[in-house]
Amino acid sequence: MGYAVKVQSVPADEGFWVGASTTDRLWVQLSGVHGESDYKVKQGDVLTFTGTVKTADKSFAANVGLTAGEGADQLTQQGHYISVPSSSVKLSR
């Protein structure tokens, strides 16, 4: 569960970085989305959600559309992300 975590950036339609800084962050990938999700996550949002930690294989960052400048290498090095059903994302403030 992520409780009151800050969105660092939103470089993909259904994925975003959360955490304290660009070096201390995790990738969140929305799941259960058919087309665009109802809520548009924005940089600076503070969110609460429930998800599952999953393995990010070497092609995952490219598959979700991340570039090197958006943290693709960081995500690949971390080797994991949080899969979150879009219905569980709640704006905390």
PDB file of N, CA and C in Angstrom:
ATOM      1  N   MET A   1       0.848  -1.184   0.000  1.00  0.00           N
ATOM      2  CA  MET A   1       0.000   0.000   0.000  1.00  0.00           C
ATOM      3  C   MET A   1       0.886   1.238   0.000  1.00  0.00           C
ATOM      4  N   GLY A   2       0.520   2.178  -0.821  1.00  0.00           N
ATOM      5  CA  GLY A   2       1.167   3.476  -0.808  1.00  0.00           C
ATOM      6  C   GLY A   2       0.235   4.449  -0.111  1.00  0.00           C
ATOM      7  N   TYR A   3       0.715   5.102   0.929  1.00  0.00           N
ATOM      8  CA  TYR A   3      -0.133   6.038   1.661  1.00  0.00           C
ATOM      9  C   TYR A   3       0.450   7.442   1.574  1.00  0.00           C
ATOM     10  N   ALA A   4      -0.321   8.348   0.994  1.00  0.00           N
ATOM     11  CA  ALA A   4       0.065   9.755   0.872  1.00  0.00           C
ATOM     12  C   ALA A   4       1.443   9.911   0.227  1.00  0.00           C
ATOM     13  N   VAL A   5       1.624   9.244  -0.927  1.00  0.00           N
ATOM     14  CA  VAL A   5       2.890   9.344  -1.656  1.00  0.00           C
ATOM     15  C   VAL A   5       2.781  10.410  -2.740  1.00  0.00           C
ATOM     16  N   LYS A   6       3.868  11.128  -2.927  1.00  0.00           N
ATOM     17  CA  LYS A   6       3.877  12.234  -3.886  1.00  0.00           C
ATOM     18  C   LYS A   6       4.247  11.743  -5.280  1.00  0.00           C
ATOM     19  N   VAL A   7       3.518  12.214  -6.270  1.00  0.00           N
ATOM     20  CA  VAL A   7       3.808  11.902  -7.658  1.00  0.00           C
ATOM     21  C   VAL A   7       4.941  12.813  -8.121  1.00  0.00           C
ATOM     22  N   GLN A   8       6.055  12.209  -8.529  1.00  0.00           N
ATOM     23  CA  GLN A   8       7.211  12.963  -9.006  1.00  0.00           C
ATOM     24  C   GLN A   8       7.043  13.405 -10.451  1.00  0.00           C
ATOM     25  N   SER A   9       6.556  12.498 -11.299  1.00  0.00           N
ATOM     26  CA  SER A   9       6.337  12.820 -12.710  1.00  0.00           C
ATOM     27  C   SER A   9       5.389  11.798 -13.316  1.00  0.00           C
ATOM     28  N   VAL A  10       4.804  12.171 -14.463  1.00  0.00           N
ATOM     29  CA  VAL A  10       3.834  11.317 -15.155  1.00  0.00           C
ATOM     30  C   VAL A  10       4.237  11.221 -16.624  1.00  0.00           C
ATOM     31  N   PRO A  11       5.277  10.438 -16.917  1.00  0.00           N
ATOM     32  CA  PRO A  11       5.758  10.365 -18.289  1.00  0.00           C
ATOM     33  C   PRO A  11       4.993   9.408 -19.199  1.00  0.00           C
ATOM     34  N   ALA A  12       4.076   8.616 -18.657  1.00  0.00           N
ATOM     35  CA  ALA A  12       3.314   7.669 -19.476  1.00  0.00           C
ATOM     36  C   ALA A  12       1.825   7.818 -19.176  1.00  0.00           C
ATOM     37  N   ASP A  13       0.988   7.444 -20.142  1.00  0.00           N
ATOM     38  CA  ASP A  13      -0.457   7.585 -19.964  1.00  0.00           C
ATOM     39  C   ASP A  13      -0.965   6.870 -18.718  1.00  0.00           C
ATOM     40  N   GLU A  14      -0.484   5.678 -18.469  1.00  0.00           N
ATOM     41  CA  GLU A  14      -0.984   4.887 -17.341  1.00  0.00           C
ATOM     42  C   GLU A  14       0.120   4.508 -16.365  1.00  0.00           C
ATOM     43  N   GLY A  15       1.199   5.325 -16.326  1.00  0.00           N
ATOM     44  CA  GLY A  15       2.284   5.058 -15.407  1.00  0.00           C
ATOM     45  C   GLY A  15       2.925   6.331 -14.919  1.00  0.00           C
ATOM     46  N   PHE A  16       3.475   6.264 -13.691  1.00  0.00           N
ATOM     47  CA  PHE A  16       4.058   7.459 -13.096  1.00  0.00           C
ATOM     48  C   PHE A  16       5.042   7.069 -11.998  1.00  0.00           C
ATOM     49  N   TRP A  17       5.919   8.031 -11.663  1.00  0.00           N
ATOM     50  CA  TRP A  17       6.889   7.865 -10.590  1.00  0.00           C
ATOM     51  C   TRP A  17       6.337   8.466  -9.306  1.00  0.00           C
ATOM     52  N   VAL A  18       6.494   7.735  -8.169  1.00  0.00           N
ATOM     53  CA  VAL A  18       6.148   8.270  -6.851  1.00  0.00           C
ATOM     54  C   VAL A  18       7.364   8.174  -5.951  1.00  0.00           C
ATOM     55  N   GLY A  19       7.474   9.091  -5.005  1.00  0.00           N
ATOM     56  CA  GLY A  19       8.568   9.038  -4.045  1.00  0.00           C
ATOM     57  C   GLY A  19       9.001  10.406  -3.594  1.00  0.00           C
ATOM     58  N   ALA A  20      10.113  10.418  -2.885  1.00  0.00           N
ATOM     59  CA  ALA A  20      10.605  11.652  -2.280  1.00  0.00           C
ATOM     60  C   ALA A  20      11.434  12.500  -3.237  1.00  0.00           C
ATOM     61  N   SER A  21      12.068  11.843  -4.243  1.00  0.00           N
ATOM     62  CA  SER A  21      12.930  12.574  -5.170  1.00  0.00           C
ATOM     63  C   SER A  21      13.137  11.737  -6.424  1.00  0.00           C
ATOM     64  N   THR A  22      13.861  12.286  -7.388  1.00  0.00           N
ATOM     65  CA  THR A  22      14.117  11.537  -8.619  1.00  0.00           C
ATOM     66  C   THR A  22      15.056  10.354  -8.398  1.00  0.00           C
ATOM     67  N   THR A  23      15.782  10.344  -7.292  1.00  0.00           N
ATOM     68  CA  THR A  23      16.642   9.196  -6.992  1.00  0.00           C
ATOM     69  C   THR A  23      15.998   8.232  -6.004  1.00  0.00           C
ATOM     70  N   ASP A  24      14.991   8.677  -5.296  1.00  0.00           N
ATOM     71  CA  ASP A  24      14.288   7.866  -4.304  1.00  0.00           C
ATOM     72  C   ASP A  24      12.829   7.756  -4.725  1.00  0.00           C
ATOM     73  N   ARG A  25      12.585   6.888  -5.714  1.00  0.00           N
ATOM     74  CA  ARG A  25      11.238   6.782  -6.269  1.00  0.00           C
ATOM     75  C   ARG A  25      10.987   5.381  -6.812  1.00  0.00           C
ATOM     76  N   LEU A  26       9.704   5.074  -7.032  1.00  0.00           N
ATOM     77  CA  LEU A  26       9.268   3.802  -7.605  1.00  0.00           C
ATOM     78  C   LEU A  26       8.275   4.079  -8.720  1.00  0.00           C
ATOM     79  N   TRP A  27       8.270   3.186  -9.699  1.00  0.00           N
ATOM     80  CA  TRP A  27       7.338   3.296 -10.811  1.00  0.00           C
ATOM     81  C   TRP A  27       6.016   2.643 -10.431  1.00  0.00           C
ATOM     82  N   VAL A  28       4.912   3.318 -10.748  1.00  0.00           N
ATOM     83  CA  VAL A  28       3.569   2.780 -10.554  1.00  0.00           C
ATOM     84  C   VAL A  28       2.934   2.638 -11.926  1.00  0.00           C
ATOM     85  N   GLN A  29       2.452   1.435 -12.220  1.00  0.00           N
ATOM     86  CA  GLN A  29       1.773   1.170 -13.478  1.00  0.00           C
ATOM     87  C   GLN A  29       0.323   0.835 -13.170  1.00  0.00           C
ATOM     88  N   LEU A  30      -0.600   1.608 -13.726  1.00  0.00           N
ATOM     89  CA  LEU A  30      -2.013   1.343 -13.501  1.00  0.00           C
ATOM     90  C   LEU A  30      -2.427   0.100 -14.269  1.00  0.00           C
ATOM     91  N   SER A  31      -3.256  -0.712 -13.652  1.00  0.00           N
ATOM     92  CA  SER A  31      -3.772  -1.920 -14.288  1.00  0.00           C
ATOM     93  C   SER A  31      -5.295  -1.868 -14.280  1.00  0.00           C
ATOM     94  N   GLY A  32      -5.894  -2.772 -15.031  1.00  0.00           N
ATOM     95  CA  GLY A  32      -7.350  -2.792 -15.105  1.00  0.00           C
ATOM     96  C   GLY A  32      -7.906  -1.609 -15.862  1.00  0.00           C
ATOM     97  N   VAL A  33      -7.078  -1.040 -16.737  1.00  0.00           N
ATOM     98  CA  VAL A  33      -7.468   0.140 -17.491  1.00  0.00           C
ATOM     99  C   VAL A  33      -7.771  -0.282 -18.923  1.00  0.00           C
ATOM    100  N   HIS A  34      -8.932   0.074 -19.385  1.00  0.00           N
ATOM    101  CA  HIS A  34      -9.298  -0.181 -20.778  1.00  0.00           C
ATOM    102  C   HIS A  34      -9.409   1.183 -21.440  1.00  0.00           C
ATOM    103  N   GLY A  35      -8.384   1.550 -22.219  1.00  0.00           N
ATOM    104  CA  GLY A  35      -8.320   2.915 -22.739  1.00  0.00           C
ATOM    105  C   GLY A  35      -7.730   3.798 -21.658  1.00  0.00           C
ATOM    106  N   GLU A  36      -8.158   5.019 -21.571  1.00  0.00           N
ATOM    107  CA  GLU A  36      -7.659   5.962 -20.584  1.00  0.00           C
ATOM    108  C   GLU A  36      -8.380   5.771 -19.251  1.00  0.00           C
ATOM    109  N   SER A  37      -7.654   5.938 -18.140  1.00  0.00           N
ATOM    110  CA  SER A  37      -8.281   5.833 -16.826  1.00  0.00           C
ATOM    111  C   SER A  37      -9.129   7.070 -16.554  1.00  0.00           C
ATOM    112  N   ASP A  38     -10.072   6.932 -15.611  1.00  0.00           N
ATOM    113  CA  ASP A  38     -10.986   8.025 -15.284  1.00  0.00           C
ATOM    114  C   ASP A  38     -10.263   9.222 -14.684  1.00  0.00           C
ATOM    115  N   TYR A  39      -9.352   8.966 -13.754  1.00  0.00           N
ATOM    116  CA  TYR A  39      -8.640  10.042 -13.072  1.00  0.00           C
ATOM    117  C   TYR A  39      -7.294  10.273 -13.746  1.00  0.00           C
ATOM    118  N   LYS A  40      -6.980  11.491 -14.037  1.00  0.00           N
ATOM    119  CA  LYS A  40      -5.697  11.841 -14.642  1.00  0.00           C
ATOM    120  C   LYS A  40      -4.712  12.214 -13.529  1.00  0.00           C
ATOM    121  N   VAL A  41      -3.744  11.348 -13.282  1.00  0.00           N
ATOM    122  CA  VAL A  41      -2.721  11.608 -12.280  1.00  0.00           C
ATOM    123  C   VAL A  41      -1.841  12.738 -12.781  1.00  0.00           C
ATOM    124  N   LYS A  42      -1.511  13.670 -11.864  1.00  0.00           N
ATOM    125  CA  LYS A  42      -0.696  14.819 -12.231  1.00  0.00           C
ATOM    126  C   LYS A  42       0.525  14.927 -11.312  1.00  0.00           C
ATOM    127  N   GLN A  43       1.606  15.478 -11.856  1.00  0.00           N
ATOM    128  CA  GLN A  43       2.799  15.735 -11.057  1.00  0.00           C
ATOM    129  C   GLN A  43       2.406  16.577  -9.854  1.00  0.00           C
ATOM    130  N   GLY A  44       2.909  16.193  -8.676  1.00  0.00           N
ATOM    131  CA  GLY A  44       2.604  16.916  -7.442  1.00  0.00           C
ATOM    132  C   GLY A  44       1.423  16.362  -6.672  1.00  0.00           C
ATOM    133  N   ASP A  45       0.586  15.515  -7.314  1.00  0.00           N
ATOM    134  CA  ASP A  45      -0.522  14.892  -6.594  1.00  0.00           C
ATOM    135  C   ASP A  45       0.018  14.062  -5.436  1.00  0.00           C
ATOM    136  N   VAL A  46      -0.766  13.941  -4.393  1.00  0.00           N
ATOM    137  CA  VAL A  46      -0.445  13.059  -3.274  1.00  0.00           C
ATOM    138  C   VAL A  46      -1.520  11.975  -3.278  1.00  0.00           C
ATOM    139  N   LEU A  47      -1.089  10.716  -3.456  1.00  0.00           N
ATOM    140  CA  LEU A  47      -2.015   9.613  -3.675  1.00  0.00           C
ATOM    141  C   LEU A  47      -1.897   8.533  -2.617  1.00  0.00           C
ATOM    142  N   THR A  48      -2.989   7.812  -2.451  1.00  0.00           N
ATOM    143  CA  THR A  48      -3.027   6.598  -1.657  1.00  0.00           C
ATOM    144  C   THR A  48      -3.553   5.504  -2.567  1.00  0.00           C
ATOM    145  N   PHE A  49      -2.937   4.314  -2.507  1.00  0.00           N
ATOM    146  CA  PHE A  49      -3.353   3.212  -3.370  1.00  0.00           C
ATOM    147  C   PHE A  49      -2.888   1.881  -2.789  1.00  0.00           C
ATOM    148  N   THR A  50      -3.455   0.814  -3.310  1.00  0.00           N
ATOM    149  CA  THR A  50      -3.045  -0.542  -2.972  1.00  0.00           C
ATOM    150  C   THR A  50      -2.600  -1.218  -4.252  1.00  0.00           C
ATOM    151  N   GLY A  51      -1.459  -1.897  -4.212  1.00  0.00           N
ATOM    152  CA  GLY A  51      -0.960  -2.547  -5.411  1.00  0.00           C
ATOM    153  C   GLY A  51      -0.105  -3.754  -5.085  1.00  0.00           C
ATOM    154  N   THR A  52       0.471  -4.308  -6.126  1.00  0.00           N
ATOM    155  CA  THR A  52       1.303  -5.502  -6.028  1.00  0.00           C
ATOM    156  C   THR A  52       2.655  -5.215  -6.662  1.00  0.00           C
ATOM    157  N   VAL A  53       3.730  -5.582  -5.976  1.00  0.00           N
ATOM    158  CA  VAL A  53       5.068  -5.427  -6.543  1.00  0.00           C
ATOM    159  C   VAL A  53       5.260  -6.515  -7.598  1.00  0.00           C
ATOM    160  N   LYS A  54       5.700  -6.092  -8.794  1.00  0.00           N
ATOM    161  CA  LYS A  54       5.921  -7.019  -9.903  1.00  0.00           C
ATOM    162  C   LYS A  54       7.324  -6.824 -10.457  1.00  0.00           C
ATOM    163  N   THR A  55       7.808  -7.834 -11.139  1.00  0.00           N
ATOM    164  CA  THR A  55       9.120  -7.782 -11.773  1.00  0.00           C
ATOM    165  C   THR A  55       9.040  -6.992 -13.068  1.00  0.00           C
ATOM    166  N   ALA A  56       9.993  -6.096 -13.249  1.00  0.00           N
ATOM    167  CA  ALA A  56      10.107  -5.330 -14.499  1.00  0.00           C
ATOM    168  C   ALA A  56      11.251  -5.944 -15.295  1.00  0.00           C
ATOM    169  N   ASP A  57      10.914  -6.681 -16.352  1.00  0.00           N
ATOM    170  CA  ASP A  57      11.980  -7.253 -17.161  1.00  0.00           C
ATOM    171  C   ASP A  57      12.676  -6.156 -17.958  1.00  0.00           C
ATOM    172  N   LYS A  58      13.700  -6.501 -18.679  1.00  0.00           N
ATOM    173  CA  LYS A  58      14.533  -5.507 -19.373  1.00  0.00           C
ATOM    174  C   LYS A  58      13.778  -4.716 -20.438  1.00  0.00           C
ATOM    175  N   SER A  59      12.669  -5.234 -20.940  1.00  0.00           N
ATOM    176  CA  SER A  59      11.899  -4.528 -21.969  1.00  0.00           C
ATOM    177  C   SER A  59      10.726  -3.731 -21.393  1.00  0.00           C
ATOM    178  N   PHE A  60      10.483  -3.849 -20.085  1.00  0.00           N
ATOM    179  CA  PHE A  60       9.306  -3.210 -19.496  1.00  0.00           C
ATOM    180  C   PHE A  60       9.286  -1.692 -19.704  1.00  0.00           C
ATOM    181  N   ALA A  61      10.388  -1.016 -19.414  1.00  0.00           N
ATOM    182  CA  ALA A  61      10.430   0.452 -19.533  1.00  0.00           C
ATOM    183  C   ALA A  61      10.085   0.895 -20.945  1.00  0.00           C
ATOM    184  N   ALA A  62      10.640   0.233 -21.938  1.00  0.00           N
ATOM    185  CA  ALA A  62      10.338   0.578 -23.333  1.00  0.00           C
ATOM    186  C   ALA A  62       8.879   0.267 -23.667  1.00  0.00           C
ATOM    187  N   ASN A  63       8.362  -0.830 -23.132  1.00  0.00           N
ATOM    188  CA  ASN A  63       6.974  -1.217 -23.411  1.00  0.00           C
ATOM    189  C   ASN A  63       5.960  -0.213 -22.867  1.00  0.00           C
ATOM    190  N   VAL A  64       6.299   0.465 -21.766  1.00  0.00           N
ATOM    191  CA  VAL A  64       5.380   1.466 -21.224  1.00  0.00           C
ATOM    192  C   VAL A  64       5.666   2.859 -21.768  1.00  0.00           C
ATOM    193  N   GLY A  65       6.684   2.958 -22.627  1.00  0.00           N
ATOM    194  CA  GLY A  65       6.954   4.223 -23.304  1.00  0.00           C
ATOM    195  C   GLY A  65       7.930   5.153 -22.615  1.00  0.00           C
ATOM    196  N   LEU A  66       8.706   4.654 -21.648  1.00  0.00           N
ATOM    197  CA  LEU A  66       9.680   5.505 -20.969  1.00  0.00           C
ATOM    198  C   LEU A  66      10.937   5.673 -21.806  1.00  0.00           C
ATOM    199  N   THR A  67      11.458   6.874 -21.813  1.00  0.00           N
ATOM    200  CA  THR A  67      12.732   7.154 -22.478  1.00  0.00           C
ATOM    201  C   THR A  67      13.827   7.250 -21.418  1.00  0.00           C
ATOM    202  N   ALA A  68      15.064   7.345 -21.866  1.00  0.00           N
ATOM    203  CA  ALA A  68      16.188   7.482 -20.934  1.00  0.00           C
ATOM    204  C   ALA A  68      16.020   8.718 -20.059  1.00  0.00           C
ATOM    205  N   GLY A  69      15.578   9.829 -20.639  1.00  0.00           N
ATOM    206  CA  GLY A  69      15.395  11.065 -19.890  1.00  0.00           C
ATOM    207  C   GLY A  69      14.254  11.013 -18.885  1.00  0.00           C
ATOM    208  N   GLU A  70      13.370  10.044 -19.039  1.00  0.00           N
ATOM    209  CA  GLU A  70      12.228   9.892 -18.130  1.00  0.00           C
ATOM    210  C   GLU A  70      12.462   8.815 -17.075  1.00  0.00           C
ATOM    211  N   GLY A  71      13.650   8.189 -17.090  1.00  0.00           N
ATOM    212  CA  GLY A  71      13.994   7.226 -16.063  1.00  0.00           C
ATOM    213  C   GLY A  71      13.952   5.772 -16.475  1.00  0.00           C
ATOM    214  N   ALA A  72      14.000   5.491 -17.778  1.00  0.00           N
ATOM    215  CA  ALA A  72      13.951   4.103 -18.241  1.00  0.00           C
ATOM    216  C   ALA A  72      15.078   3.270 -17.633  1.00  0.00           C
ATOM    217  N   ASP A  73      16.289   3.808 -17.608  1.00  0.00           N
ATOM    218  CA  ASP A  73      17.424   3.065 -17.055  1.00  0.00           C
ATOM    219  C   ASP A  73      17.240   2.794 -15.568  1.00  0.00           C
ATOM    220  N   GLN A  74      16.723   3.768 -14.846  1.00  0.00           N
ATOM    221  CA  GLN A  74      16.492   3.602 -13.411  1.00  0.00           C
ATOM    222  C   GLN A  74      15.480   2.484 -13.161  1.00  0.00           C
ATOM    223  N   LEU A  75      14.395   2.468 -13.922  1.00  0.00           N
ATOM    224  CA  LEU A  75      13.378   1.438 -13.757  1.00  0.00           C
ATOM    225  C   LEU A  75      13.951   0.057 -14.076  1.00  0.00           C
ATOM    226  N   THR A  76      14.735  -0.033 -15.132  1.00  0.00           N
ATOM    227  CA  THR A  76      15.347  -1.305 -15.507  1.00  0.00           C
ATOM    228  C   THR A  76      16.314  -1.776 -14.421  1.00  0.00           C
ATOM    229  N   GLN A  77      17.101  -0.863 -13.860  1.00  0.00           N
ATOM    230  CA  GLN A  77      18.043  -1.223 -12.796  1.00  0.00           C
ATOM    231  C   GLN A  77      17.316  -1.654 -11.527  1.00  0.00           C
ATOM    232  N   GLN A  78      16.211  -0.981 -11.196  1.00  0.00           N
ATOM    233  CA  GLN A  78      15.444  -1.369 -10.011  1.00  0.00           C
ATOM    234  C   GLN A  78      14.872  -2.774 -10.180  1.00  0.00           C
ATOM    235  N   GLY A  79      14.383  -3.074 -11.379  1.00  0.00           N
ATOM    236  CA  GLY A  79      13.884  -4.406 -11.671  1.00  0.00           C
ATOM    237  C   GLY A  79      12.508  -4.729 -11.133  1.00  0.00           C
ATOM    238  N   HIS A  80      11.793  -3.726 -10.649  1.00  0.00           N
ATOM    239  CA  HIS A  80      10.437  -3.963 -10.151  1.00  0.00           C
ATOM    240  C   HIS A  80       9.615  -2.672 -10.240  1.00  0.00           C
ATOM    241  N   TYR A  81       8.306  -2.844 -10.141  1.00  0.00           N
ATOM    242  CA  TYR A  81       7.381  -1.719 -10.149  1.00  0.00           C
ATOM    243  C   TYR A  81       6.156  -2.120  -9.338  1.00  0.00           C
ATOM    244  N   ILE A  82       5.249  -1.182  -9.144  1.00  0.00           N
ATOM    245  CA  ILE A  82       4.020  -1.470  -8.416  1.00  0.00           C
ATOM    246  C   ILE A  82       2.860  -1.453  -9.414  1.00  0.00           C
ATOM    247  N   SER A  83       2.169  -2.566  -9.521  1.00  0.00           N
ATOM    248  CA  SER A  83       0.979  -2.658 -10.364  1.00  0.00           C
ATOM    249  C   SER A  83      -0.226  -2.295  -9.501  1.00  0.00           C
ATOM    250  N   VAL A  84      -0.942  -1.248  -9.910  1.00  0.00           N
ATOM    251  CA  VAL A  84      -2.036  -0.704  -9.102  1.00  0.00           C
ATOM    252  C   VAL A  84      -3.318  -0.663  -9.917  1.00  0.00           C
ATOM    253  N   PRO A  85      -4.379  -1.315  -9.446  1.00  0.00           N
ATOM    254  CA  PRO A  85      -5.657  -1.178 -10.134  1.00  0.00           C
ATOM    255  C   PRO A  85      -6.077   0.297 -10.125  1.00  0.00           C
ATOM    256  N   SER A  86      -6.462   0.804 -11.272  1.00  0.00           N
ATOM    257  CA  SER A  86      -6.814   2.229 -11.351  1.00  0.00           C
ATOM    258  C   SER A  86      -7.930   2.588 -10.380  1.00  0.00           C
ATOM    259  N   SER A  87      -8.792   1.634 -10.074  1.00  0.00           N
ATOM    260  CA  SER A  87      -9.909   1.903  -9.163  1.00  0.00           C
ATOM    261  C   SER A  87      -9.453   2.121  -7.726  1.00  0.00           C
ATOM    262  N   SER A  88      -8.212   1.731  -7.378  1.00  0.00           N
ATOM    263  CA  SER A  88      -7.748   1.889  -5.997  1.00  0.00           C
ATOM    264  C   SER A  88      -7.028   3.213  -5.757  1.00  0.00           C
ATOM    265  N   VAL A  89      -6.782   3.998  -6.799  1.00  0.00           N
ATOM    266  CA  VAL A  89      -6.047   5.261  -6.655  1.00  0.00           C
ATOM    267  C   VAL A  89      -6.979   6.340  -6.104  1.00  0.00           C
ATOM    268  N   LYS A  90      -6.560   6.914  -4.980  1.00  0.00           N
ATOM    269  CA  LYS A  90      -7.336   7.977  -4.335  1.00  0.00           C
ATOM    270  C   LYS A  90      -6.453   9.194  -4.123  1.00  0.00           C
ATOM    271  N   LEU A  91      -6.952  10.346  -4.471  1.00  0.00           N
ATOM    272  CA  LEU A  91      -6.246  11.597  -4.231  1.00  0.00           C
ATOM    273  C   LEU A  91      -6.308  11.869  -2.731  1.00  0.00           C
ATOM    274  N   SER A  92      -5.140  12.069  -2.094  1.00  0.00           N
ATOM    275  CA  SER A  92      -5.084  12.235  -0.636  1.00  0.00           C
ATOM    276  C   SER A  92      -5.321  13.668  -0.194  1.00  0.00           C
ATOM    277  N   ARG A  93      -5.026  14.610  -1.062  1.00  0.00           N
ATOM    278  CA  ARG A  93      -5.321  16.008  -0.709  1.00  0.00           C
ATOM    279  C   ARG A  93      -5.530  16.818  -1.936  1.00  0.00           C
TER     280      ARG A  93
END
